[in-house]
Amino acid sequence: MKHFVTLSLLAIISSTFAQTDVEKTAETVDKNKIEGHIYFLADDLLKGRDTGTPENKIAASYLANALRSYGIKPDPATNSYYQTFNLTQTAPPSMIKVGLNGEKQPHIIAVKAKATKLSGDALYLDYGDEADYKGKDVKGKLIVVKGGTPESSEARAVFAAHKYKQALAMKNGAIGLVEMTLLEEELWSRISHFMGESVQIPDAEDSENMSTNFIHFWVNTTAEKLDAMNTSKLSYEIETDGKKEETLVTQNVIGVLEGTDPKLKEEYIMYSAHYDHIGIGKPDAEGDSIYNGARDNGIGTTAVLSMAENLGKYPTKRSAVFIFFTAEEKGLLGSKYYVQNPSFPLRQIVYGFNTDGGGYNNTALATVTGLSRTTAQEHIIAGAGAFGLKAIDDPVPEQGLFDRSDNVSFASVGIPSPTYSTGFDAFDDEINKYYHQAGDEADSLDYEYLLKFYQGYVLSGRLIANDPVKPFWVKGDKYEAAGNVLYSNTPTVPIKE
């Protein structure tokens, strides 16, 4: 009987504390504030918040000042809310000509090219592997190879192998490399757009290589023409005005808040979202060319602001780090940069609670990519459920969404990191209507639904941050081994005041 009374008392106490967290969440998450954030971030004046633009910096300033107003401290590494860094942006040549054996090639991508005009003899080397160079004098010659590998000539294989092939050709003294690909026209067009205008984190090795006059092209062709090159003497003519390169200055926005527990405060929960979007693009049927990004990712950005306001008033046992990433739309570059340049040891981040998305088609749901992959699943289900939403896992695993948002930059080093998104149960017309479209504007959103969505996110975060048991990957997960390495016994570093 005594045991029963004790259990009942514990249940009542537990219920009381859970209810207190619900009340704290409901108190700070306000529909008017939500609308205010999203309407500002998705305003035409911000021109789509493209990375490296003045408007992107205005958005960053808005976020930094919101953190300041909530009592969130700046990044301890810089004593600033900004983690500023450079990116390298390249644009394709405006003029490019490649001829092989006198035949002009119509489908060309310049992978690496300075302004040049060259002609001479070329040498065919199959796939351009190390064995293909044995016994061959390639100094001063152009090398022609098949794109990809003997196992695959698909686009992913071509892309994965191209730097290796480039390095081998340079090492052996070749003046350039032409990779012949066999891709479908539609896919080639998409790759051409992607490769033509790229943005990347500067790499010392790439910068050194770019200082040379080595040239590297992809040429799309047919199997018949490719086979003919293997049996004939090759000549080439190349002329181009070269790829254009400029430096973009951009910034992540970072704030920290110390936890209340003497021990658990040395561990952080990371609340993150990217705040950039794709800027100005092709006009739609109404002539609107500003891609406002209310859903992607004004919604996610506002979720992190809601979390910061709540914790600023009601801190949790664990500490919090709030990170708004730039350049997600350029290839997750802001989150990659942070992982390479963290404000404190990454092992102190015990959970990454990212939020991102392209839209919603089911307002009864919160869709959490990676929900079942971490031991915090029960807290997320409970947090969303307290405000009338059902948390579900990724409904379209074939799309690989877990590895396409900023969470994967942290998962890859071992940090459990799902992505909390607005409710969708399929990729359908309702999603595609707004995803990366000019119509993704603030006045197209359902704010009654978003109120519940943000309340669920904030409560979930509170439950995870107050749980004395550290969250981790479920056994056997793809990233479990990396987590075991990251969280080995290494001294932690306290928050800097």
Protein backbone atom coordinates (compact mmCIF):
# COMPACT_ATOMS: atom_id res chain seq x y z
CA MET A 1 0.00 0.00 0.00
CA LYS A 2 2.81 2.36 0.95
CA HIS A 3 4.53 1.55 -2.35
CA PHE A 4 1.32 2.38 -4.23
CA VAL A 5 1.00 5.75 -2.46
CA THR A 6 4.60 6.59 -3.29
CA LEU A 7 4.09 5.78 -6.96
CA SER A 8 0.90 7.81 -7.02
CA LEU A 9 2.66 10.77 -5.44
CA LEU A 10 5.47 10.55 -7.99
CA ALA A 11 2.92 10.44 -10.79
CA ILE A 12 1.21 13.57 -9.45
CA ILE A 13 4.53 15.39 -9.10
CA SER A 14 5.56 14.37 -12.60
CA SER A 15 2.23 15.53 -14.00
CA THR A 16 2.57 18.84 -12.18
CA PHE A 17 6.02 19.53 -13.63
CA ALA A 18 4.90 18.53 -17.14
CA GLN A 19 1.93 20.87 -16.85
CA THR A 20 4.25 23.66 -15.70
CA ASP A 21 6.33 23.26 -18.88
CA VAL A 22 3.15 23.36 -20.95
CA GLU A 23 2.11 26.58 -19.23
CA LYS A 24 5.53 28.14 -19.69
CA THR A 25 5.39 27.28 -23.37
CA ALA A 26 1.89 28.61 -23.90
CA GLU A 27 2.77 31.84 -22.08
CA THR A 28 5.58 32.90 -24.40
CA VAL A 29 4.55 31.50 -27.80
CA ASP A 30 2.22 34.12 -29.16
CA LYS A 31 0.47 34.24 -32.54
CA ASN A 32 1.01 37.96 -33.03
CA LYS A 33 4.75 37.64 -32.40
CA ILE A 34 4.92 34.72 -34.82
CA GLU A 35 3.28 36.75 -37.55
CA GLY A 36 5.56 39.69 -36.84
CA HIS A 37 8.71 37.62 -37.32
CA ILE A 38 7.57 35.89 -40.50
CA TYR A 39 6.14 38.99 -42.14
CA PHE A 40 9.42 40.81 -41.59
CA LEU A 41 11.67 37.98 -42.77
CA ALA A 42 9.52 37.34 -45.86
CA ASP A 43 9.01 40.99 -46.77
CA ASP A 44 9.82 42.04 -50.33
CA LEU A 45 12.34 44.53 -48.94
CA LEU A 46 14.58 41.62 -47.96
CA LYS A 47 14.56 40.38 -51.57
CA GLY A 48 14.60 36.71 -50.66
CA ARG A 49 17.53 36.86 -48.18
CA ASP A 50 20.07 35.46 -50.64
CA THR A 51 23.45 34.65 -49.11
CA GLY A 52 26.01 37.44 -49.30
CA THR A 53 23.49 40.19 -50.07
CA PRO A 54 22.81 43.30 -47.95
CA GLU A 55 19.29 41.97 -47.39
CA ASN A 56 20.68 38.74 -45.93
CA LYS A 57 22.71 40.88 -43.53
CA ILE A 58 19.57 42.84 -42.56
CA ALA A 59 17.87 39.55 -41.69
CA ALA A 60 20.93 38.56 -39.63
CA SER A 61 20.77 41.88 -37.76
CA TYR A 62 17.09 41.32 -37.02
CA LEU A 63 17.85 37.88 -35.56
CA ALA A 64 20.80 39.10 -33.51
CA ASN A 65 18.78 41.90 -31.99
CA ALA A 66 15.91 39.55 -31.21
CA LEU A 67 18.34 37.29 -29.31
CA ARG A 68 19.69 40.33 -27.48
CA SER A 69 16.18 41.39 -26.48
CA TYR A 70 15.49 37.92 -25.04
CA GLY A 71 18.59 38.02 -22.84
CA ILE A 72 20.53 35.53 -24.94
CA LYS A 73 24.30 36.06 -24.76
CA PRO A 74 26.48 36.41 -27.87
CA ASP A 75 28.79 33.73 -29.27
CA PRO A 76 31.47 33.15 -26.59
CA ALA A 77 34.13 32.63 -29.25
CA THR A 78 33.78 36.14 -30.70
CA ASN A 79 31.73 38.04 -28.12
CA SER A 80 29.46 38.83 -31.06
CA TYR A 81 26.20 37.44 -32.41
CA TYR A 82 27.83 37.06 -35.83
CA GLN A 83 30.13 34.33 -37.07
CA THR A 84 31.31 36.07 -40.22
CA PHE A 85 33.15 34.17 -42.96
CA ASN A 86 33.89 34.26 -46.67
CA LEU A 87 32.54 32.10 -49.45
CA THR A 88 33.81 31.79 -53.00
CA GLN A 89 31.20 32.24 -55.73
CA THR A 90 31.96 31.27 -59.30
CA ALA A 91 30.05 32.11 -62.47
CA PRO A 92 30.43 30.25 -65.77
CA PRO A 93 32.43 31.64 -68.70
CA SER A 94 30.40 33.83 -71.02
CA MET A 95 32.26 32.28 -73.97
CA ILE A 96 33.45 28.71 -74.21
CA LYS A 97 34.41 26.56 -77.23
CA VAL A 98 35.72 23.01 -77.24
CA GLY A 99 36.52 21.13 -80.44
CA LEU A 100 37.74 17.52 -80.64
CA ASN A 101 39.12 16.27 -83.96
CA GLY A 102 37.62 19.32 -85.62
CA GLU A 103 34.11 18.67 -84.29
CA LYS A 104 32.62 21.42 -82.15
CA GLN A 105 31.16 20.09 -78.89
CA PRO A 106 27.79 21.69 -78.11
CA HIS A 107 27.38 20.58 -74.48
CA ILE A 108 30.16 21.86 -72.21
CA ILE A 109 30.58 22.62 -68.51
CA ALA A 110 33.68 24.47 -67.33
CA VAL A 111 34.78 22.78 -64.11
CA LYS A 112 38.03 24.79 -63.95
CA ALA A 113 39.08 27.32 -66.53
CA LYS A 114 40.93 30.59 -66.78
CA ALA A 115 40.83 32.69 -69.92
CA THR A 116 42.77 30.76 -72.56
CA LYS A 117 43.08 29.82 -76.24
CA LEU A 118 44.83 26.52 -76.90
CA SER A 119 45.15 23.82 -79.56
CA GLY A 120 47.24 20.70 -80.00
CA ASP A 121 47.26 16.97 -79.48
CA ALA A 122 45.10 15.19 -76.90
CA LEU A 123 45.52 11.75 -75.36
CA TYR A 124 42.68 9.37 -74.52
CA LEU A 125 43.16 7.59 -71.16
CA ASP A 126 40.00 5.53 -70.59
CA TYR A 127 38.67 6.55 -67.11
CA GLY A 128 41.78 8.49 -66.13
CA ASP A 129 42.65 6.28 -63.17
CA GLU A 130 46.21 6.04 -61.87
CA ALA A 131 46.85 2.83 -63.80
CA ASP A 132 45.88 4.56 -67.05
CA TYR A 133 48.87 6.92 -66.76
CA LYS A 134 51.48 4.18 -66.47
CA GLY A 135 53.96 4.33 -69.35
CA LYS A 136 52.28 7.44 -70.80
CA ASP A 137 54.02 10.78 -71.32
CA VAL A 138 51.23 13.32 -70.79
CA LYS A 139 53.27 16.44 -70.04
CA GLY A 140 51.91 19.42 -71.92
CA LYS A 141 49.01 17.42 -73.32
CA LEU A 142 45.25 17.54 -72.91
CA ILE A 143 43.80 14.35 -71.42
CA VAL A 144 40.42 13.00 -72.56
CA VAL A 145 38.70 10.43 -70.33
CA LYS A 146 35.33 8.86 -69.66
CA GLY A 147 33.33 10.45 -66.88
CA GLY A 148 32.55 8.41 -63.80
CA THR A 149 34.04 5.03 -63.02
CA PRO A 150 34.04 1.56 -64.61
CA GLU A 151 31.20 0.72 -62.19
CA SER A 152 29.00 3.74 -62.95
CA SER A 153 28.73 6.60 -65.45
CA GLU A 154 25.82 8.23 -63.63
CA ALA A 155 25.97 11.88 -62.57
CA ARG A 156 26.83 11.12 -58.94
CA ALA A 157 29.76 8.97 -60.00
CA VAL A 158 31.02 11.67 -62.37
CA PHE A 159 30.84 14.30 -59.65
CA ALA A 160 32.39 12.06 -56.97
CA ALA A 161 35.41 11.18 -59.13
CA HIS A 162 36.15 14.49 -60.85
CA LYS A 163 38.51 16.01 -58.26
CA TYR A 164 40.52 12.80 -58.05
CA LYS A 165 40.88 12.73 -61.84
CA GLN A 166 41.82 16.40 -61.92
CA ALA A 167 44.51 15.92 -59.28
CA LEU A 168 46.00 12.93 -61.17
CA ALA A 169 46.14 14.84 -64.45
CA MET A 170 47.85 17.81 -62.78
CA LYS A 171 50.28 15.55 -60.94
CA ASN A 172 51.34 13.95 -64.23
CA GLY A 173 51.93 17.27 -65.96
CA ALA A 174 48.89 17.48 -68.23
CA ILE A 175 47.68 20.94 -69.19
CA GLY A 176 44.03 20.00 -68.96
CA LEU A 177 41.34 17.35 -68.67
CA VAL A 178 38.14 16.72 -70.63
CA GLU A 179 35.68 14.24 -69.15
CA MET A 180 33.18 12.81 -71.61
CA THR A 181 29.81 12.13 -69.99
CA LEU A 182 26.78 10.19 -71.22
CA LEU A 183 23.95 11.93 -69.39
CA GLU A 184 20.35 12.51 -70.43
CA GLU A 185 19.62 15.98 -71.75
CA GLU A 186 17.34 17.06 -68.90
CA LEU A 187 19.79 15.89 -66.24
CA TRP A 188 22.69 17.53 -68.07
CA SER A 189 20.78 20.82 -68.13
CA ARG A 190 20.23 20.70 -64.36
CA ILE A 191 23.87 19.84 -63.68
CA SER A 192 25.01 22.60 -66.01
CA HIS A 193 23.01 25.13 -64.00
CA PHE A 194 24.31 23.77 -60.69
CA MET A 195 27.96 23.64 -61.73
CA GLY A 196 27.84 26.92 -63.64
CA GLU A 197 27.07 29.10 -60.63
CA SER A 198 28.51 27.51 -57.51
CA VAL A 199 29.28 28.76 -54.03
CA GLN A 200 31.69 27.01 -51.69
CA ILE A 201 33.73 27.44 -48.55
CA PRO A 202 37.22 28.47 -49.71
CA ASP A 203 39.64 25.57 -49.64
CA ALA A 204 43.38 26.23 -49.49
CA GLU A 205 44.11 23.41 -51.91
CA ASP A 206 41.41 24.54 -54.35
CA SER A 207 42.66 28.13 -54.14
CA GLU A 208 46.19 26.96 -54.91
CA ASN A 209 44.97 24.89 -57.84
CA MET A 210 42.92 27.79 -59.20
CA SER A 211 46.13 29.83 -59.49
CA THR A 212 47.34 27.47 -62.23
CA ASN A 213 46.33 27.55 -65.88
CA PHE A 214 45.07 23.95 -65.81
CA ILE A 215 41.73 23.55 -67.61
CA HIS A 216 39.01 21.01 -66.87
CA PHE A 217 35.76 20.51 -68.79
CA TRP A 218 32.86 18.11 -68.88
CA VAL A 219 31.55 17.41 -72.37
CA ASN A 220 28.31 15.52 -72.85
CA THR A 221 28.35 13.21 -75.84
CA THR A 222 27.05 9.90 -77.19
CA ALA A 223 28.39 6.38 -76.69
CA GLU A 224 29.24 6.11 -80.41
CA LYS A 225 31.36 9.28 -80.42
CA LEU A 226 33.05 8.28 -77.21
CA ASP A 227 33.99 4.87 -78.60
CA ALA A 228 35.48 6.54 -81.69
CA MET A 229 37.86 8.57 -79.53
CA ASN A 230 39.39 5.37 -78.20
CA THR A 231 40.53 4.35 -81.67
CA SER A 232 41.74 7.58 -83.22
CA LYS A 233 44.42 10.20 -82.84
CA LEU A 234 42.98 13.20 -81.04
CA SER A 235 43.41 16.89 -81.63
CA TYR A 236 41.70 19.73 -79.79
CA GLU A 237 40.91 23.44 -79.95
CA ILE A 238 39.79 25.27 -76.80
CA GLU A 239 38.89 28.92 -76.30
CA THR A 240 37.23 30.53 -73.29
CA ASP A 241 37.15 33.81 -71.37
CA GLY A 242 37.29 31.82 -68.13
CA LYS A 243 35.18 31.31 -65.04
CA LYS A 244 34.43 34.40 -62.99
CA GLU A 245 35.11 34.32 -59.26
CA GLU A 246 34.15 36.65 -56.43
CA THR A 247 34.13 36.58 -52.63
CA LEU A 248 30.87 36.63 -50.70
CA VAL A 249 30.92 37.80 -47.09
CA THR A 250 28.17 36.24 -45.01
CA GLN A 251 27.39 35.24 -41.44
CA ASN A 252 25.83 32.71 -39.12
CA VAL A 253 23.98 34.22 -36.16
CA ILE A 254 24.80 32.62 -32.79
CA GLY A 255 23.67 33.08 -29.19
CA VAL A 256 24.04 31.04 -25.99
CA LEU A 257 22.13 30.75 -22.73
CA GLU A 258 23.46 29.04 -19.62
CA GLY A 259 21.41 26.26 -18.07
CA THR A 260 20.29 26.09 -14.45
CA ASP A 261 21.70 22.72 -13.39
CA PRO A 262 25.28 22.82 -12.00
CA LYS A 263 26.24 19.70 -13.94
CA LEU A 264 23.88 19.57 -16.93
CA LYS A 265 24.64 23.18 -17.89
CA GLU A 266 27.93 21.95 -19.36
CA GLU A 267 25.81 20.21 -22.02
CA TYR A 268 24.04 22.16 -24.76
CA ILE A 269 20.91 21.60 -26.78
CA MET A 270 21.33 23.29 -30.16
CA TYR A 271 18.26 24.98 -31.64
CA SER A 272 18.93 25.75 -35.28
CA ALA A 273 17.46 26.84 -38.59
CA HIS A 274 18.76 28.43 -41.76
CA TYR A 275 17.56 31.95 -42.45
CA ASP A 276 18.76 32.40 -46.04
CA HIS A 277 16.63 31.78 -49.11
CA ILE A 278 17.23 31.90 -52.87
CA GLY A 279 16.78 35.62 -53.51
CA ILE A 280 15.49 36.97 -56.82
CA GLY A 281 14.76 34.64 -59.71
CA LYS A 282 12.61 33.98 -62.72
CA PRO A 283 9.30 35.92 -62.56
CA ASP A 284 6.13 33.91 -62.07
CA ALA A 285 2.90 34.32 -64.04
CA GLU A 286 2.09 37.47 -62.03
CA GLY A 287 5.52 38.96 -62.66
CA ASP A 288 6.74 38.40 -59.10
CA SER A 289 10.48 37.67 -59.09
CA ILE A 290 11.17 37.81 -55.34
CA TYR A 291 11.34 34.38 -53.73
CA ASN A 292 10.35 35.41 -50.21
CA GLY A 293 10.87 32.07 -48.44
CA ALA A 294 8.13 32.35 -45.81
CA ARG A 295 7.98 28.57 -45.50
CA ASP A 296 11.62 27.95 -46.40
CA ASN A 297 12.78 28.96 -43.96
CA GLY A 298 10.96 31.84 -42.32
CA ILE A 299 8.94 29.22 -40.46
CA GLY A 300 12.03 27.45 -39.13
CA THR A 301 13.77 30.69 -38.23
CA THR A 302 10.74 31.80 -36.24
CA ALA A 303 10.68 28.47 -34.40
CA VAL A 304 14.19 29.13 -33.08
CA LEU A 305 13.23 32.70 -32.13
CA SER A 306 10.24 31.29 -30.23
CA MET A 307 12.54 28.89 -28.42
CA ALA A 308 14.99 31.66 -27.55
CA GLU A 309 12.25 33.88 -26.13
CA ASN A 310 10.90 31.04 -24.02
CA LEU A 311 14.26 29.96 -22.62
CA GLY A 312 15.31 33.55 -22.05
CA LYS A 313 12.41 33.77 -19.58
CA TYR A 314 12.40 30.17 -18.34
CA PRO A 315 15.86 28.56 -18.74
CA THR A 316 16.20 24.79 -18.75
CA LYS A 317 18.67 22.57 -16.90
CA ARG A 318 20.87 22.17 -19.95
CA SER A 319 22.37 25.16 -21.67
CA ALA A 320 21.18 26.29 -25.09
CA VAL A 321 22.98 27.41 -28.22
CA PHE A 322 20.87 29.10 -30.88
CA ILE A 323 22.30 29.08 -34.41
CA PHE A 324 20.78 30.64 -37.51
CA PHE A 325 22.69 29.31 -40.51
CA THR A 326 23.41 31.17 -43.69
CA ALA A 327 24.03 29.56 -47.11
CA GLU A 328 21.93 26.43 -46.54
CA GLU A 329 20.51 26.94 -50.03
CA LYS A 330 24.07 26.97 -51.40
CA GLY A 331 24.83 23.49 -50.08
CA LEU A 332 24.50 23.57 -46.26
CA LEU A 333 27.57 25.81 -46.15
CA GLY A 334 26.73 27.75 -42.98
CA SER A 335 26.30 24.62 -40.89
CA LYS A 336 29.38 23.02 -42.44
CA TYR A 337 31.39 26.11 -41.58
CA TYR A 338 30.18 26.06 -37.97
CA VAL A 339 31.11 22.39 -37.56
CA GLN A 340 34.59 23.24 -38.83
CA ASN A 341 34.78 26.32 -36.58
CA PRO A 342 32.69 25.64 -33.46
CA SER A 343 32.32 28.16 -30.63
CA PHE A 344 33.16 25.43 -28.09
CA PRO A 345 33.90 21.70 -28.37
CA LEU A 346 31.23 19.99 -30.45
CA ARG A 347 30.90 17.17 -27.92
CA GLN A 348 29.21 19.63 -25.57
CA ILE A 349 26.27 19.78 -27.99
CA VAL A 350 24.40 16.66 -26.95
CA TYR A 351 21.40 17.23 -29.21
CA GLY A 352 20.68 19.24 -32.33
CA PHE A 353 17.04 20.29 -32.71
CA ASN A 354 16.97 21.67 -36.23
CA THR A 355 13.89 23.03 -37.99
CA ASP A 356 13.48 23.43 -41.74
CA GLY A 357 10.92 22.76 -44.42
CA GLY A 358 9.37 23.56 -47.73
CA GLY A 359 5.73 23.64 -46.69
CA TYR A 360 2.86 21.63 -45.28
CA ASN A 361 -0.18 19.73 -46.49
CA ASN A 362 -1.50 18.31 -43.21
CA THR A 363 -2.15 20.67 -40.30
CA ALA A 364 -2.76 17.79 -37.89
CA LEU A 365 0.92 16.84 -38.05
CA ALA A 366 4.45 17.84 -37.17
CA THR A 367 6.76 15.92 -39.50
CA VAL A 368 10.12 15.17 -37.89
CA THR A 369 12.78 13.79 -40.18
CA GLY A 370 14.75 11.38 -38.01
CA LEU A 371 12.10 11.18 -35.28
CA SER A 372 12.69 7.48 -34.58
CA ARG A 373 16.47 7.71 -34.88
CA THR A 374 17.18 9.25 -31.47
CA THR A 375 16.18 8.44 -27.90
CA ALA A 376 14.43 11.83 -27.59
CA GLN A 377 11.56 10.55 -29.73
CA GLU A 378 9.16 10.29 -26.78
CA HIS A 379 9.74 13.92 -25.80
CA ILE A 380 9.02 15.18 -29.32
CA ILE A 381 5.86 13.10 -29.57
CA ALA A 382 4.74 14.38 -26.16
CA GLY A 383 5.63 17.99 -26.96
CA ALA A 384 3.68 18.06 -30.22
CA GLY A 385 0.83 16.05 -28.71
CA ALA A 386 0.33 18.49 -25.85
CA PHE A 387 -0.81 21.05 -28.41
CA GLY A 388 -2.91 18.78 -30.57
CA LEU A 389 -0.39 17.69 -33.20
CA LYS A 390 0.76 14.20 -34.06
CA ALA A 391 4.52 13.89 -34.60
CA ILE A 392 5.39 11.52 -37.44
CA ASP A 393 8.66 10.42 -38.99
CA ASP A 394 9.77 11.06 -42.55
CA PRO A 395 6.94 9.93 -44.86
CA VAL A 396 9.17 9.91 -47.96
CA PRO A 397 12.45 8.23 -46.93
CA GLU A 398 13.37 7.70 -50.57
CA GLN A 399 13.93 11.46 -50.86
CA GLY A 400 16.82 11.33 -48.38
CA LEU A 401 15.58 14.41 -46.52
CA PHE A 402 17.58 13.70 -43.36
CA ASP A 403 20.81 14.23 -45.30
CA ARG A 404 19.60 17.33 -47.16
CA SER A 405 19.25 19.83 -44.32
CA ASP A 406 21.67 21.46 -41.88
CA ASN A 407 21.09 18.72 -39.31
CA VAL A 408 23.30 16.35 -41.30
CA SER A 409 26.36 18.56 -40.82
CA PHE A 410 26.07 17.75 -37.11
CA ALA A 411 24.86 14.17 -37.48
CA SER A 412 27.92 13.37 -39.58
CA VAL A 413 30.18 14.16 -36.61
CA GLY A 414 27.97 12.19 -34.21
CA ILE A 415 25.50 14.72 -32.75
CA PRO A 416 21.90 13.37 -32.65
CA SER A 417 20.11 15.86 -34.92
CA PRO A 418 16.60 15.45 -36.34
CA THR A 419 14.74 18.17 -38.26
CA TYR A 420 11.34 19.33 -36.99
CA SER A 421 9.15 20.44 -39.91
CA THR A 422 5.61 21.52 -40.61
CA GLY A 423 3.23 18.66 -41.30
CA PHE A 424 3.42 16.84 -44.60
CA ASP A 425 2.58 13.26 -45.41
CA ALA A 426 3.64 13.30 -49.08
CA PHE A 427 5.34 15.47 -51.69
CA ASP A 428 2.30 16.70 -53.58
CA ASP A 429 1.02 19.75 -55.46
CA GLU A 430 0.41 21.65 -52.22
CA ILE A 431 4.11 21.37 -51.34
CA ASN A 432 5.37 22.06 -54.86
CA LYS A 433 3.07 25.07 -55.18
CA TYR A 434 5.25 27.00 -52.73
CA TYR A 435 8.62 25.22 -52.52
CA HIS A 436 11.21 27.61 -54.00
CA GLN A 437 8.45 29.60 -55.66
CA ALA A 438 7.75 33.33 -55.68
CA GLY A 439 4.35 32.65 -54.11
CA ASP A 440 5.88 31.52 -50.80
CA GLU A 441 4.77 34.68 -48.99
CA ALA A 442 3.80 35.42 -45.41
CA ASP A 443 0.12 36.03 -46.14
CA SER A 444 -0.28 32.48 -47.53
CA LEU A 445 0.36 30.80 -44.17
CA ASP A 446 -2.03 29.29 -41.61
CA TYR A 447 -1.03 31.03 -38.37
CA GLU A 448 -3.46 29.12 -36.17
CA TYR A 449 -1.67 25.96 -37.21
CA LEU A 450 1.75 27.55 -36.81
CA LEU A 451 0.91 28.57 -33.24
CA LYS A 452 0.44 24.88 -32.35
CA PHE A 453 3.51 23.93 -34.37
CA TYR A 454 5.75 26.36 -32.48
CA GLN A 455 4.28 25.43 -29.13
CA GLY A 456 5.04 21.79 -29.89
CA TYR A 457 8.62 22.63 -30.90
CA VAL A 458 9.28 24.69 -27.78
CA LEU A 459 7.79 22.15 -25.39
CA SER A 460 9.71 19.32 -27.05
CA GLY A 461 12.92 21.28 -26.62
CA ARG A 462 12.17 21.93 -22.97
CA LEU A 463 11.50 18.25 -22.28
CA ILE A 464 14.75 17.19 -23.95
CA ALA A 465 16.77 19.90 -22.19
CA ASN A 466 15.40 19.01 -18.73
CA ASP A 467 15.72 15.23 -19.01
CA PRO A 468 18.57 14.03 -16.76
CA VAL A 469 19.29 11.26 -19.28
CA LYS A 470 21.42 12.44 -22.18
CA PRO A 471 19.77 11.82 -25.58
CA PHE A 472 21.60 9.68 -28.13
CA TRP A 473 21.19 7.77 -31.36
CA VAL A 474 19.15 4.58 -31.27
CA LYS A 475 21.27 1.47 -31.44
CA GLY A 476 22.46 0.62 -34.92
CA ASP A 477 21.85 4.03 -36.45
CA LYS A 478 24.05 5.12 -39.32
CA TYR A 479 25.64 7.84 -37.16
CA GLU A 480 25.88 5.94 -33.86
CA ALA A 481 29.56 5.09 -34.34
CA ALA A 482 30.44 8.76 -34.94
CA GLY A 483 28.53 9.63 -31.76
CA ASN A 484 30.47 7.09 -29.75
CA VAL A 485 33.71 8.69 -30.92
CA LEU A 486 32.53 12.27 -30.33
CA TYR A 487 31.26 11.70 -26.80
CA SER A 488 34.31 9.87 -25.51
CA ASN A 489 35.70 11.03 -22.18
CA THR A 490 37.08 14.48 -22.93
CA PRO A 491 36.95 17.43 -20.51
CA THR A 492 34.19 19.95 -21.21
CA VAL A 493 34.61 23.70 -21.37
CA PRO A 494 32.19 25.88 -19.36
CA ILE A 495 30.28 28.75 -20.93
CA LYS A 496 32.30 31.94 -21.09
CA GLU A 497 30.66 34.86 -19.39
